[in-house]
Every structure is written in C-alpha cells, then in structure tokens.
Amino acid sequence: MKKNIKTLKAPQAIGPYSQAVVVDDFIFISGQIPLLPNGELIKGTIEKETHQVMKNLNAILDASKVSFKDVVKITLYVTDISMFKRVNEVYKSYMSEPYPARETVGVKELPLGAKLEMSMIATKE
C-alpha cells in the first residue's frame, strides 16, 4: 500500500508529485532543491544551498519517522560538476558510515534555476 508523506517543515511540491511516498518499508523522497519551507529559493554559495537541501530532506525523513542513518540510496544532480567537492563536504557532515549508495549527475539546468537537487530512498527497519 502506498502512503503519502507531507510536512510543512519542507517546501511544498512545485508540481504534481508528493514530497515522499512510503511503500512497504521504503520511503521514496522526491528531489529537493534549496527552497525554504515558504518556497523561496536560497541564493548564495553552493555550501549554503546544499545545507538547505539537506535540511529539507531531514524534515521529510523526520515526518517519515526515519533519519539520515536510514538512507540507502541518493541521487545528486548538479549544474556544475566542478562544485562536486564542495557539495560533498557539506553532504558528508550529515551522513555517517556505512554511507548510502549514490550517484552524482551533471545536468544543464534544474527547476527554478537551482544549482543542485537531491533525492533519497530510505528504509524503515
């Protein structure tokens, strides 16, 4: 059975999708860009933007009653692959070993002019 997850502590969906969906013991979190919960796009350094993305993801994980330690898969999109190292430093401050599986994809552009987007899959144990 599929269950929708929604929290006001993260930005609302900007299209026809859910913040997250739970199926069995898996939580599928939609891609998050550096929006504040009120929908305002954060502009600034890639580090500042990455922190906001991680805060959004954390709020959705919390609403799903799991945490970063329960994340098993991450997809990261960046508009400039040269920012990868800086994004990774912020990302690493939120995650712990054993790290989730992950891929990073360089893309031409992202919604609303964001520089990065990240989605996650977590599991309830």
N, C-alpha and C. Protein backbone atom coordinates (compact mmCIF):
# COMPACT_ATOMS: atom_id res chain seq x y z
N MET A 1 0.84 -1.19 0.00
CA MET A 1 0.00 0.00 0.00
C MET A 1 0.88 1.24 0.00
N LYS A 2 0.50 2.24 -0.77
CA LYS A 2 1.26 3.47 -0.91
C LYS A 2 0.67 4.55 0.01
N LYS A 3 1.58 5.24 0.74
CA LYS A 3 1.16 6.30 1.66
C LYS A 3 1.94 7.57 1.34
N ASN A 4 1.25 8.69 1.27
CA ASN A 4 1.86 9.99 1.01
C ASN A 4 2.43 10.58 2.31
N ILE A 5 3.61 11.18 2.22
CA ILE A 5 4.21 11.90 3.35
C ILE A 5 4.22 13.38 3.00
N LYS A 6 3.77 14.20 3.94
CA LYS A 6 3.74 15.64 3.71
C LYS A 6 4.08 16.36 5.02
N THR A 7 4.97 17.35 4.94
CA THR A 7 5.31 18.15 6.10
C THR A 7 5.41 19.62 5.69
N LEU A 8 5.00 20.49 6.57
CA LEU A 8 5.12 21.93 6.34
C LEU A 8 6.52 22.44 6.66
N LYS A 9 7.39 21.57 7.20
CA LYS A 9 8.76 21.94 7.56
C LYS A 9 9.71 21.86 6.37
N ALA A 10 9.18 21.46 5.22
CA ALA A 10 9.94 21.41 3.97
C ALA A 10 9.07 22.07 2.90
N PRO A 11 9.69 22.54 1.82
CA PRO A 11 8.89 23.18 0.77
C PRO A 11 7.85 22.23 0.20
N GLN A 12 6.73 22.81 -0.16
CA GLN A 12 5.67 22.02 -0.78
C GLN A 12 6.07 21.68 -2.22
N ALA A 13 5.51 20.63 -2.74
CA ALA A 13 5.79 20.22 -4.11
C ALA A 13 5.43 21.36 -5.06
N ILE A 14 6.29 21.59 -6.07
CA ILE A 14 6.04 22.64 -7.05
C ILE A 14 5.45 22.07 -8.33
N GLY A 15 4.94 20.86 -8.23
CA GLY A 15 4.32 20.19 -9.36
C GLY A 15 3.45 19.05 -8.86
N PRO A 16 2.97 18.22 -9.76
CA PRO A 16 2.08 17.12 -9.38
C PRO A 16 2.86 15.90 -8.86
N TYR A 17 3.45 16.04 -7.69
CA TYR A 17 4.18 14.95 -7.05
C TYR A 17 4.11 15.12 -5.54
N SER A 18 4.48 14.09 -4.81
CA SER A 18 4.48 14.10 -3.35
C SER A 18 5.88 14.43 -2.84
N GLN A 19 5.97 15.00 -1.64
CA GLN A 19 7.27 15.19 -1.02
C GLN A 19 7.94 13.84 -0.84
N ALA A 20 7.16 12.86 -0.43
CA ALA A 20 7.66 11.49 -0.27
C ALA A 20 6.50 10.52 -0.32
N VAL A 21 6.83 9.29 -0.65
CA VAL A 21 5.84 8.22 -0.67
C VAL A 21 6.45 7.02 0.05
N VAL A 22 5.65 6.39 0.90
CA VAL A 22 6.07 5.18 1.59
C VAL A 22 5.39 3.99 0.93
N VAL A 23 6.19 2.99 0.59
CA VAL A 23 5.69 1.72 0.06
C VAL A 23 6.38 0.62 0.86
N ASP A 24 5.58 -0.16 1.55
CA ASP A 24 6.12 -1.18 2.45
C ASP A 24 7.11 -0.52 3.41
N ASP A 25 8.35 -0.96 3.45
CA ASP A 25 9.33 -0.39 4.37
C ASP A 25 10.25 0.64 3.71
N PHE A 26 9.90 1.10 2.52
CA PHE A 26 10.75 2.05 1.81
C PHE A 26 10.10 3.42 1.71
N ILE A 27 10.92 4.46 1.88
CA ILE A 27 10.48 5.85 1.74
C ILE A 27 11.21 6.42 0.54
N PHE A 28 10.45 6.87 -0.44
CA PHE A 28 11.00 7.46 -1.66
C PHE A 28 10.77 8.97 -1.58
N ILE A 29 11.87 9.73 -1.43
CA ILE A 29 11.78 11.18 -1.26
C ILE A 29 12.07 11.86 -2.58
N SER A 30 11.14 12.72 -2.98
CA SER A 30 11.31 13.47 -4.23
C SER A 30 12.50 14.40 -4.15
N GLY A 31 13.03 14.75 -5.31
CA GLY A 31 14.17 15.65 -5.38
C GLY A 31 13.90 16.97 -4.68
N GLN A 32 14.86 17.39 -3.89
CA GLN A 32 14.77 18.66 -3.16
C GLN A 32 15.81 19.62 -3.70
N ILE A 33 15.37 20.84 -3.94
CA ILE A 33 16.27 21.92 -4.32
C ILE A 33 16.35 22.88 -3.14
N PRO A 34 17.23 23.87 -3.17
CA PRO A 34 17.42 24.73 -2.00
C PRO A 34 16.31 25.77 -1.80
N LEU A 35 15.10 25.27 -1.53
CA LEU A 35 13.98 26.14 -1.22
C LEU A 35 13.78 26.17 0.28
N LEU A 36 13.38 27.34 0.79
CA LEU A 36 12.93 27.43 2.17
C LEU A 36 11.54 26.82 2.24
N PRO A 37 11.04 26.46 3.42
CA PRO A 37 9.70 25.90 3.51
C PRO A 37 8.61 26.81 2.91
N ASN A 38 8.86 28.13 2.88
CA ASN A 38 7.88 29.05 2.28
C ASN A 38 7.97 29.10 0.76
N GLY A 39 8.88 28.35 0.17
CA GLY A 39 9.00 28.28 -1.29
C GLY A 39 10.03 29.23 -1.88
N GLU A 40 10.70 30.02 -1.04
CA GLU A 40 11.72 30.95 -1.53
C GLU A 40 13.01 30.20 -1.84
N LEU A 41 13.57 30.45 -3.03
CA LEU A 41 14.81 29.81 -3.43
C LEU A 41 15.98 30.50 -2.74
N ILE A 42 16.83 29.72 -2.08
CA ILE A 42 18.05 30.23 -1.45
C ILE A 42 19.06 30.54 -2.55
N LYS A 43 19.65 31.70 -2.49
CA LYS A 43 20.73 32.06 -3.41
C LYS A 43 21.96 32.31 -2.56
N GLY A 44 23.09 31.87 -3.02
CA GLY A 44 24.32 32.08 -2.27
C GLY A 44 25.34 31.05 -2.68
N THR A 45 26.19 30.71 -1.75
CA THR A 45 27.24 29.74 -2.05
C THR A 45 26.63 28.35 -2.23
N ILE A 46 27.34 27.49 -2.90
CA ILE A 46 26.86 26.12 -3.07
C ILE A 46 26.78 25.42 -1.72
N GLU A 47 27.63 25.80 -0.77
CA GLU A 47 27.57 25.22 0.57
C GLU A 47 26.25 25.60 1.25
N LYS A 48 25.87 26.87 1.17
CA LYS A 48 24.61 27.33 1.77
C LYS A 48 23.42 26.61 1.13
N GLU A 49 23.45 26.47 -0.18
CA GLU A 49 22.37 25.80 -0.88
C GLU A 49 22.31 24.32 -0.52
N THR A 50 23.46 23.69 -0.37
CA THR A 50 23.49 22.27 -0.01
C THR A 50 22.93 22.06 1.39
N HIS A 51 23.29 22.95 2.33
CA HIS A 51 22.73 22.85 3.68
C HIS A 51 21.21 22.92 3.64
N GLN A 52 20.66 23.81 2.81
CA GLN A 52 19.20 23.93 2.75
C GLN A 52 18.56 22.67 2.18
N VAL A 53 19.17 22.11 1.15
CA VAL A 53 18.66 20.85 0.60
C VAL A 53 18.66 19.77 1.68
N MET A 54 19.74 19.67 2.43
CA MET A 54 19.84 18.65 3.48
C MET A 54 18.81 18.90 4.59
N LYS A 55 18.56 20.17 4.92
CA LYS A 55 17.52 20.49 5.93
C LYS A 55 16.15 20.05 5.42
N ASN A 56 15.88 20.29 4.15
CA ASN A 56 14.59 19.87 3.57
C ASN A 56 14.45 18.35 3.64
N LEU A 57 15.49 17.66 3.22
CA LEU A 57 15.46 16.20 3.26
C LEU A 57 15.29 15.69 4.68
N ASN A 58 15.98 16.31 5.63
CA ASN A 58 15.87 15.91 7.03
C ASN A 58 14.44 16.08 7.54
N ALA A 59 13.79 17.17 7.17
CA ALA A 59 12.40 17.41 7.59
C ALA A 59 11.47 16.32 7.05
N ILE A 60 11.69 15.91 5.82
CA ILE A 60 10.86 14.87 5.22
C ILE A 60 11.17 13.52 5.85
N LEU A 61 12.44 13.24 6.09
CA LEU A 61 12.81 12.00 6.79
C LEU A 61 12.15 11.96 8.17
N ASP A 62 12.20 13.08 8.88
CA ASP A 62 11.61 13.17 10.22
C ASP A 62 10.10 12.91 10.15
N ALA A 63 9.43 13.50 9.18
CA ALA A 63 7.99 13.27 9.02
C ALA A 63 7.68 11.81 8.70
N SER A 64 8.67 11.12 8.14
CA SER A 64 8.54 9.69 7.81
C SER A 64 8.96 8.80 8.96
N LYS A 65 9.41 9.42 10.07
CA LYS A 65 9.87 8.72 11.26
C LYS A 65 11.13 7.89 11.04
N VAL A 66 12.03 8.44 10.21
CA VAL A 66 13.36 7.86 9.99
C VAL A 66 14.37 9.00 10.02
N SER A 67 15.64 8.67 9.79
CA SER A 67 16.68 9.70 9.82
C SER A 67 17.70 9.42 8.71
N PHE A 68 18.72 10.27 8.63
CA PHE A 68 19.76 10.08 7.62
C PHE A 68 20.41 8.70 7.72
N LYS A 69 20.48 8.13 8.91
CA LYS A 69 21.11 6.81 9.07
C LYS A 69 20.31 5.72 8.37
N ASP A 70 19.06 5.99 8.03
CA ASP A 70 18.20 5.01 7.36
C ASP A 70 18.21 5.14 5.84
N VAL A 71 18.96 6.12 5.33
CA VAL A 71 19.01 6.35 3.88
C VAL A 71 19.89 5.28 3.24
N VAL A 72 19.38 4.68 2.15
CA VAL A 72 20.13 3.62 1.47
C VAL A 72 20.58 4.03 0.06
N LYS A 73 19.97 5.07 -0.51
CA LYS A 73 20.28 5.46 -1.89
C LYS A 73 20.03 6.94 -2.06
N ILE A 74 20.97 7.61 -2.74
CA ILE A 74 20.86 9.05 -3.00
C ILE A 74 21.19 9.30 -4.46
N THR A 75 20.44 10.21 -5.05
CA THR A 75 20.77 10.72 -6.38
C THR A 75 20.99 12.22 -6.24
N LEU A 76 22.12 12.69 -6.72
CA LEU A 76 22.51 14.09 -6.63
C LEU A 76 22.70 14.65 -8.03
N TYR A 77 22.05 15.75 -8.31
CA TYR A 77 22.19 16.45 -9.59
C TYR A 77 22.83 17.81 -9.33
N VAL A 78 23.84 18.17 -10.11
CA VAL A 78 24.48 19.49 -10.00
C VAL A 78 24.61 20.10 -11.39
N THR A 79 24.48 21.42 -11.45
CA THR A 79 24.59 22.11 -12.74
C THR A 79 26.03 22.41 -13.12
N ASP A 80 26.95 22.24 -12.17
CA ASP A 80 28.37 22.47 -12.43
C ASP A 80 29.16 21.42 -11.67
N ILE A 81 29.66 20.43 -12.36
CA ILE A 81 30.34 19.31 -11.72
C ILE A 81 31.59 19.75 -10.95
N SER A 82 32.12 20.93 -11.26
CA SER A 82 33.28 21.43 -10.51
C SER A 82 32.90 21.76 -9.06
N MET A 83 31.59 21.86 -8.75
CA MET A 83 31.13 22.12 -7.39
C MET A 83 31.04 20.84 -6.56
N PHE A 84 31.28 19.69 -7.18
CA PHE A 84 31.09 18.41 -6.52
C PHE A 84 31.81 18.30 -5.18
N LYS A 85 33.08 18.70 -5.13
CA LYS A 85 33.86 18.57 -3.90
C LYS A 85 33.24 19.41 -2.77
N ARG A 86 32.80 20.61 -3.10
CA ARG A 86 32.21 21.49 -2.08
C ARG A 86 30.86 20.95 -1.59
N VAL A 87 30.07 20.44 -2.51
CA VAL A 87 28.79 19.81 -2.14
C VAL A 87 29.06 18.60 -1.25
N ASN A 88 30.04 17.81 -1.62
CA ASN A 88 30.37 16.59 -0.90
C ASN A 88 30.78 16.88 0.55
N GLU A 89 31.50 17.96 0.78
CA GLU A 89 31.92 18.32 2.14
C GLU A 89 30.71 18.59 3.04
N VAL A 90 29.74 19.31 2.52
CA VAL A 90 28.52 19.58 3.30
C VAL A 90 27.74 18.28 3.49
N TYR A 91 27.54 17.55 2.42
CA TYR A 91 26.82 16.27 2.45
C TYR A 91 27.40 15.35 3.53
N LYS A 92 28.72 15.26 3.55
CA LYS A 92 29.42 14.36 4.49
C LYS A 92 29.14 14.74 5.95
N SER A 93 28.87 16.01 6.22
CA SER A 93 28.61 16.44 7.59
C SER A 93 27.25 15.95 8.10
N TYR A 94 26.38 15.50 7.21
CA TYR A 94 25.06 15.00 7.60
C TYR A 94 24.99 13.47 7.62
N MET A 95 25.90 12.81 6.93
CA MET A 95 25.84 11.37 6.75
C MET A 95 26.92 10.68 7.57
N SER A 96 26.70 9.39 7.82
CA SER A 96 27.70 8.61 8.55
C SER A 96 27.83 7.24 7.90
N GLU A 97 28.91 6.57 8.21
CA GLU A 97 29.16 5.24 7.66
C GLU A 97 28.24 4.22 8.31
N PRO A 98 27.81 3.23 7.60
CA PRO A 98 28.09 2.99 6.19
C PRO A 98 27.27 3.96 5.33
N TYR A 99 27.97 4.66 4.42
CA TYR A 99 27.32 5.65 3.57
C TYR A 99 26.35 4.97 2.61
N PRO A 100 25.28 5.70 2.23
CA PRO A 100 24.35 5.15 1.24
C PRO A 100 25.00 5.02 -0.13
N ALA A 101 24.41 4.20 -0.97
CA ALA A 101 24.80 4.17 -2.38
C ALA A 101 24.42 5.53 -2.97
N ARG A 102 25.18 5.99 -3.98
CA ARG A 102 24.90 7.32 -4.53
C ARG A 102 25.47 7.45 -5.92
N GLU A 103 24.79 8.27 -6.72
CA GLU A 103 25.39 8.72 -7.97
C GLU A 103 25.23 10.23 -8.04
N THR A 104 26.16 10.86 -8.76
CA THR A 104 26.13 12.30 -8.99
C THR A 104 26.07 12.51 -10.49
N VAL A 105 25.14 13.35 -10.91
CA VAL A 105 24.92 13.58 -12.33
C VAL A 105 25.03 15.07 -12.61
N GLY A 106 25.87 15.43 -13.57
CA GLY A 106 25.95 16.81 -14.02
C GLY A 106 24.84 17.07 -15.03
N VAL A 107 24.07 18.13 -14.80
CA VAL A 107 22.94 18.46 -15.68
C VAL A 107 23.05 19.91 -16.15
N LYS A 108 22.37 20.22 -17.23
CA LYS A 108 22.41 21.57 -17.79
C LYS A 108 21.70 22.57 -16.89
N GLU A 109 20.50 22.20 -16.40
CA GLU A 109 19.75 23.10 -15.53
C GLU A 109 18.78 22.32 -14.67
N LEU A 110 18.30 22.99 -13.61
CA LEU A 110 17.36 22.40 -12.66
C LEU A 110 16.20 23.36 -12.44
N PRO A 111 15.09 22.89 -11.86
CA PRO A 111 13.93 23.76 -11.65
C PRO A 111 14.29 25.03 -10.89
N LEU A 112 13.66 26.12 -11.28
CA LEU A 112 13.78 27.44 -10.64
C LEU A 112 15.20 27.99 -10.64
N GLY A 113 16.10 27.43 -11.45
CA GLY A 113 17.47 27.92 -11.51
C GLY A 113 18.35 27.41 -10.39
N ALA A 114 17.91 26.36 -9.68
CA ALA A 114 18.71 25.78 -8.60
C ALA A 114 20.02 25.22 -9.16
N LYS A 115 21.04 25.16 -8.29
CA LYS A 115 22.34 24.62 -8.68
C LYS A 115 22.47 23.13 -8.35
N LEU A 116 21.62 22.63 -7.42
CA LEU A 116 21.66 21.23 -7.09
C LEU A 116 20.29 20.72 -6.70
N GLU A 117 20.11 19.43 -6.84
CA GLU A 117 18.89 18.74 -6.43
C GLU A 117 19.30 17.37 -5.93
N MET A 118 18.62 16.92 -4.86
CA MET A 118 18.97 15.63 -4.29
C MET A 118 17.69 14.88 -3.92
N SER A 119 17.66 13.59 -4.27
CA SER A 119 16.55 12.72 -3.86
C SER A 119 17.13 11.57 -3.06
N MET A 120 16.27 10.91 -2.28
CA MET A 120 16.73 9.83 -1.40
C MET A 120 15.74 8.70 -1.36
N ILE A 121 16.26 7.53 -1.04
CA ILE A 121 15.45 6.38 -0.68
C ILE A 121 15.93 5.94 0.69
N ALA A 122 15.00 5.80 1.60
CA ALA A 122 15.32 5.34 2.97
C ALA A 122 14.49 4.09 3.27
N THR A 123 14.88 3.41 4.31
CA THR A 123 14.15 2.21 4.70
C THR A 123 13.84 2.26 6.20
N LYS A 124 12.66 1.73 6.53
CA LYS A 124 12.28 1.57 7.93
C LYS A 124 12.69 0.17 8.33
N GLU A 125 13.46 0.06 9.39
CA GLU A 125 13.90 -1.27 9.82
C GLU A 125 13.11 -1.74 10.99
